Amino acid sequence: MPRKTPSFDAASIRILDLLQQNAEISTAELAEATGLSASPCWRRVNELKESGVIKGSVALVDAFALGLAVNVFVHVSLKQQDRASLDVFSTAIKTKPEIVECYLMTGESDYMLRVVVEDLMKYQALVVDFLTTIPGVSSIRSSFALSQIKYTTALPTEHLRNG
């Protein structure tokens, strides 16, 4: 079934903003904050879900509370960038939970990964025992995050207001 494109009026944008701040907010609180009654508010949220704008709700867990103190950005280059090589790499990366983000890039490297692990030994093991064993990998460069200045999962919505 084709997805229905949602309308992004002021109330829908406000719903998105509020849910990105707190996915556990009640429908009653959402309705009050948007000036809608509960039923239309609930329908808007469902429309946003059904259309794929809202992909899901998750709990944001503190990495340090889980003992995951090392945050590494890894640039990976492949020997060649053909479809088969890209597919092999992408498939392999999806098997490792400590690789929390992976992007196909333009520029100097083919991929950028974000890795979260307990310590340098765990990172070394990931590189030596996993990344270097993926067929087609030609180089791996790592940058260690010293401090997190900003982190958000909330996407900007201002452009929807002006469009």
C-alpha atoms as a PDB file:
ATOM      1  CA  MET A   1       0.000   0.000   0.000  1.00  0.00           C
ATOM      2  CA  PRO A   2       1.510   3.404  -0.974  1.00  0.00           C
ATOM      3  CA  ARG A   3       2.318   5.729   1.870  1.00  0.00           C
ATOM      4  CA  LYS A   4       0.184   8.817   2.230  1.00  0.00           C
ATOM      5  CA  THR A   5       2.235  12.018   2.260  1.00  0.00           C
ATOM      6  CA  PRO A   6       1.528  13.884   5.487  1.00  0.00           C
ATOM      7  CA  SER A   7       0.674  17.553   5.605  1.00  0.00           C
ATOM      8  CA  PHE A   8       3.170  19.632   7.510  1.00  0.00           C
ATOM      9  CA  ASP A   9       1.024  22.336   9.007  1.00  0.00           C
ATOM     10  CA  ALA A  10       1.979  24.083  12.228  1.00  0.00           C
ATOM     11  CA  ALA A  11       0.323  21.439  14.411  1.00  0.00           C
ATOM     12  CA  SER A  12       2.084  18.516  12.684  1.00  0.00           C
ATOM     13  CA  ILE A  13       5.451  20.269  12.937  1.00  0.00           C
ATOM     14  CA  ARG A  14       4.832  20.978  16.629  1.00  0.00           C
ATOM     15  CA  ILE A  15       3.927  17.299  17.147  1.00  0.00           C
ATOM     16  CA  LEU A  16       7.199  16.255  15.482  1.00  0.00           C
ATOM     17  CA  ASP A  17       9.214  18.694  17.591  1.00  0.00           C
ATOM     18  CA  LEU A  18       7.594  17.535  20.835  1.00  0.00           C
ATOM     19  CA  LEU A  19       7.906  13.818  20.042  1.00  0.00           C
ATOM     20  CA  GLN A  20      11.577  14.272  19.137  1.00  0.00           C
ATOM     21  CA  GLN A  21      12.120  15.819  22.565  1.00  0.00           C
ATOM     22  CA  ASN A  22      10.096  13.187  24.436  1.00  0.00           C
ATOM     23  CA  ALA A  23       8.577  10.181  22.674  1.00  0.00           C
ATOM     24  CA  GLU A  24       6.765   9.251  25.898  1.00  0.00           C
ATOM     25  CA  ILE A  25       4.616  12.393  25.939  1.00  0.00           C
ATOM     26  CA  SER A  26       0.936  11.501  26.226  1.00  0.00           C
ATOM     27  CA  THR A  27      -1.580  12.214  23.490  1.00  0.00           C
ATOM     28  CA  ALA A  28      -3.380  14.528  25.923  1.00  0.00           C
ATOM     29  CA  GLU A  29      -0.192  16.543  26.513  1.00  0.00           C
ATOM     30  CA  LEU A  30       0.520  16.642  22.764  1.00  0.00           C
ATOM     31  CA  ALA A  31      -3.005  17.806  22.066  1.00  0.00           C
ATOM     32  CA  GLU A  32      -2.781  20.558  24.671  1.00  0.00           C
ATOM     33  CA  ALA A  33       0.595  21.759  23.357  1.00  0.00           C
ATOM     34  CA  THR A  34      -0.630  21.852  19.743  1.00  0.00           C
ATOM     35  CA  GLY A  35      -4.096  23.270  20.316  1.00  0.00           C
ATOM     36  CA  LEU A  36      -5.797  20.153  18.947  1.00  0.00           C
ATOM     37  CA  SER A  37      -8.243  17.886  20.679  1.00  0.00           C
ATOM     38  CA  ALA A  38      -6.995  14.393  21.550  1.00  0.00           C
ATOM     39  CA  SER A  39      -8.602  12.508  18.623  1.00  0.00           C
ATOM     40  CA  PRO A  40      -7.253  14.721  15.811  1.00  0.00           C
ATOM     41  CA  CYS A  41      -3.865  14.777  17.540  1.00  0.00           C
ATOM     42  CA  TRP A  42      -3.823  10.975  17.737  1.00  0.00           C
ATOM     43  CA  ARG A  43      -4.780  10.798  14.031  1.00  0.00           C
ATOM     44  CA  ARG A  44      -1.929  13.169  13.132  1.00  0.00           C
ATOM     45  CA  VAL A  45       0.580  11.035  15.013  1.00  0.00           C
ATOM     46  CA  ASN A  46      -0.707   7.889  13.295  1.00  0.00           C
ATOM     47  CA  GLU A  47      -0.541   9.604   9.894  1.00  0.00           C
ATOM     48  CA  LEU A  48       3.074  10.571  10.580  1.00  0.00           C
ATOM     49  CA  LYS A  49       3.841   6.957  11.530  1.00  0.00           C
ATOM     50  CA  GLU A  50       2.011   5.405   8.580  1.00  0.00           C
ATOM     51  CA  SER A  51       3.711   7.757   6.121  1.00  0.00           C
ATOM     52  CA  GLY A  52       7.133   6.810   7.473  1.00  0.00           C
ATOM     53  CA  VAL A  53       7.960  10.276   8.814  1.00  0.00           C
ATOM     54  CA  ILE A  54       8.030   8.789  12.317  1.00  0.00           C
ATOM     55  CA  LYS A  55      10.046   5.615  11.923  1.00  0.00           C
ATOM     56  CA  GLY A  56       9.818   4.428  15.522  1.00  0.00           C
ATOM     57  CA  SER A  57      10.420   5.352  19.142  1.00  0.00           C
ATOM     58  CA  VAL A  58      13.437   4.326  21.175  1.00  0.00           C
ATOM     59  CA  ALA A  59      14.978   4.844  24.577  1.00  0.00           C
ATOM     60  CA  LEU A  60      18.173   6.904  24.432  1.00  0.00           C
ATOM     61  CA  VAL A  61      20.699   5.166  26.644  1.00  0.00           C
ATOM     62  CA  ASP A  62      23.748   6.862  28.157  1.00  0.00           C
ATOM     63  CA  ALA A  63      26.875   5.207  26.730  1.00  0.00           C
ATOM     64  CA  PHE A  64      28.946   5.992  29.831  1.00  0.00           C
ATOM     65  CA  ALA A  65      26.329   4.378  32.075  1.00  0.00           C
ATOM     66  CA  LEU A  66      26.925   1.158  30.086  1.00  0.00           C
ATOM     67  CA  GLY A  67      30.698   1.495  30.348  1.00  0.00           C
ATOM     68  CA  LEU A  68      31.087   2.505  26.701  1.00  0.00           C
ATOM     69  CA  ALA A  69      33.688   5.232  27.147  1.00  0.00           C
ATOM     70  CA  VAL A  70      35.424   5.140  23.744  1.00  0.00           C
ATOM     71  CA  ASN A  71      33.762   6.839  20.790  1.00  0.00           C
ATOM     72  CA  VAL A  72      35.676   6.451  17.515  1.00  0.00           C
ATOM     73  CA  PHE A  73      35.078   7.826  14.039  1.00  0.00           C
ATOM     74  CA  VAL A  74      36.553   5.428  11.516  1.00  0.00           C
ATOM     75  CA  HIS A  75      37.272   6.247   7.875  1.00  0.00           C
ATOM     76  CA  VAL A  76      37.454   3.169   5.669  1.00  0.00           C
ATOM     77  CA  SER A  77      38.613   3.042   2.063  1.00  0.00           C
ATOM     78  CA  LEU A  78      38.038   0.114  -0.252  1.00  0.00           C
ATOM     79  CA  LYS A  79      40.364  -1.174  -2.977  1.00  0.00           C
ATOM     80  CA  GLN A  80      37.568  -0.617  -5.500  1.00  0.00           C
ATOM     81  CA  GLN A  81      34.138   0.921  -5.306  1.00  0.00           C
ATOM     82  CA  ASP A  82      32.117  -1.486  -7.439  1.00  0.00           C
ATOM     83  CA  ARG A  83      28.657  -2.655  -6.336  1.00  0.00           C
ATOM     84  CA  ALA A  84      29.899  -6.063  -5.163  1.00  0.00           C
ATOM     85  CA  SER A  85      32.614  -4.545  -2.926  1.00  0.00           C
ATOM     86  CA  LEU A  86      30.200  -2.000  -1.470  1.00  0.00           C
ATOM     87  CA  ASP A  87      27.632  -4.724  -0.772  1.00  0.00           C
ATOM     88  CA  VAL A  88      30.180  -7.003   0.925  1.00  0.00           C
ATOM     89  CA  PHE A  89      31.323  -4.186   3.193  1.00  0.00           C
ATOM     90  CA  SER A  90      27.792  -2.979   4.003  1.00  0.00           C
ATOM     91  CA  THR A  91      26.605  -6.485   4.835  1.00  0.00           C
ATOM     92  CA  ALA A  92      29.575  -7.135   7.131  1.00  0.00           C
ATOM     93  CA  ILE A  93      29.207  -3.823   8.997  1.00  0.00           C
ATOM     94  CA  LYS A  94      25.563  -4.519   9.837  1.00  0.00           C
ATOM     95  CA  THR A  95      26.609  -7.530  11.940  1.00  0.00           C
ATOM     96  CA  LYS A  96      28.496  -5.528  14.581  1.00  0.00           C
ATOM     97  CA  PRO A  97      26.423  -3.760  17.262  1.00  0.00           C
ATOM     98  CA  GLU A  98      29.399  -1.644  18.358  1.00  0.00           C
ATOM     99  CA  ILE A  99      29.298   0.037  14.938  1.00  0.00           C
ATOM    100  CA  VAL A 100      26.380   2.336  15.658  1.00  0.00           C
ATOM    101  CA  GLU A 101      26.502   4.404  12.469  1.00  0.00           C
ATOM    102  CA  CYS A 102      27.853   3.814   8.967  1.00  0.00           C
ATOM    103  CA  TYR A 103      27.750   6.183   6.010  1.00  0.00           C
ATOM    104  CA  LEU A 104      28.832   5.764   2.395  1.00  0.00           C
ATOM    105  CA  MET A 105      30.843   8.921   1.737  1.00  0.00           C
ATOM    106  CA  THR A 106      32.275  11.111  -0.954  1.00  0.00           C
ATOM    107  CA  GLY A 107      35.800  12.430  -0.543  1.00  0.00           C
ATOM    108  CA  GLU A 108      38.936  10.748   0.758  1.00  0.00           C
ATOM    109  CA  SER A 109      37.326   7.671   2.295  1.00  0.00           C
ATOM    110  CA  ASP A 110      34.503   5.459   1.115  1.00  0.00           C
ATOM    111  CA  TYR A 111      32.833   4.955   4.497  1.00  0.00           C
ATOM    112  CA  MET A 112      32.666   6.697   7.826  1.00  0.00           C
ATOM    113  CA  LEU A 113      31.716   4.632  10.860  1.00  0.00           C
ATOM    114  CA  ARG A 114      30.995   5.587  14.420  1.00  0.00           C
ATOM    115  CA  VAL A 115      32.097   2.930  16.853  1.00  0.00           C
ATOM    116  CA  VAL A 116      31.283   2.834  20.564  1.00  0.00           C
ATOM    117  CA  VAL A 117      33.282   0.412  22.746  1.00  0.00           C
ATOM    118  CA  GLU A 118      34.440  -0.064  26.320  1.00  0.00           C
ATOM    119  CA  ASP A 119      38.146   0.550  25.837  1.00  0.00           C
ATOM    120  CA  LEU A 120      41.053   0.673  23.390  1.00  0.00           C
ATOM    121  CA  MET A 121      41.592  -3.080  23.560  1.00  0.00           C
ATOM    122  CA  LYS A 122      38.037  -3.685  22.374  1.00  0.00           C
ATOM    123  CA  TYR A 123      38.560  -1.200  19.551  1.00  0.00           C
ATOM    124  CA  GLN A 124      41.841  -2.851  18.583  1.00  0.00           C
ATOM    125  CA  ALA A 125      40.104  -6.225  18.450  1.00  0.00           C
ATOM    126  CA  LEU A 126      37.345  -4.791  16.239  1.00  0.00           C
ATOM    127  CA  VAL A 127      39.914  -3.395  13.815  1.00  0.00           C
ATOM    128  CA  VAL A 128      42.293  -6.380  13.750  1.00  0.00           C
ATOM    129  CA  ASP A 129      39.797  -9.226  14.005  1.00  0.00           C
ATOM    130  CA  PHE A 130      36.950  -7.729  11.986  1.00  0.00           C
ATOM    131  CA  LEU A 131      37.523  -4.613   9.860  1.00  0.00           C
ATOM    132  CA  THR A 132      40.811  -5.824   8.380  1.00  0.00           C
ATOM    133  CA  THR A 133      39.225  -9.163   7.460  1.00  0.00           C
ATOM    134  CA  ILE A 134      36.460  -7.677   5.292  1.00  0.00           C
ATOM    135  CA  PRO A 135      37.377  -8.368   1.664  1.00  0.00           C
ATOM    136  CA  GLY A 136      38.275  -5.231  -0.284  1.00  0.00           C
ATOM    137  CA  VAL A 137      39.268  -2.987   2.643  1.00  0.00           C
ATOM    138  CA  SER A 138      42.412  -1.059   1.731  1.00  0.00           C
ATOM    139  CA  SER A 139      42.811   1.444   4.575  1.00  0.00           C
ATOM    140  CA  ILE A 140      41.392   2.279   7.981  1.00  0.00           C
ATOM    141  CA  ARG A 141      41.921   5.613   9.734  1.00  0.00           C
ATOM    142  CA  SER A 142      40.617   6.308  13.228  1.00  0.00           C
ATOM    143  CA  SER A 143      39.801   9.534  15.042  1.00  0.00           C
ATOM    144  CA  PHE A 144      39.012   9.292  18.747  1.00  0.00           C
ATOM    145  CA  ALA A 145      36.444  11.657  20.220  1.00  0.00           C
ATOM    146  CA  LEU A 146      37.820  13.427  23.259  1.00  0.00           C
ATOM    147  CA  SER A 147      34.582  15.079  24.305  1.00  0.00           C
ATOM    148  CA  GLN A 148      31.025  15.225  23.013  1.00  0.00           C
ATOM    149  CA  ILE A 149      30.043  18.842  22.440  1.00  0.00           C
ATOM    150  CA  LYS A 150      26.608  18.256  20.941  1.00  0.00           C
ATOM    151  CA  TYR A 151      24.484  15.175  20.425  1.00  0.00           C
ATOM    152  CA  THR A 152      20.902  15.071  19.311  1.00  0.00           C
ATOM    153  CA  THR A 153      18.634  12.695  17.475  1.00  0.00           C
ATOM    154  CA  ALA A 154      16.124  15.493  16.816  1.00  0.00           C
ATOM    155  CA  LEU A 155      15.983  16.584  13.189  1.00  0.00           C
ATOM    156  CA  PRO A 156      15.439  20.256  12.326  1.00  0.00           C
ATOM    157  CA  THR A 157      11.925  21.243  11.252  1.00  0.00           C
ATOM    158  CA  GLU A 158      12.325  25.004  10.678  1.00  0.00           C
ATOM    159  CA  HIS A 159      12.440  24.565   6.884  1.00  0.00           C
ATOM    160  CA  LEU A 160       8.964  23.002   7.030  1.00  0.00           C
ATOM    161  CA  ARG A 161       7.590  26.183   8.573  1.00  0.00           C
ATOM    162  CA  ASN A 162       9.017  28.359   5.826  1.00  0.00           C
ATOM    163  CA  GLY A 163       8.096  26.128   2.892  1.00  0.00           C
END
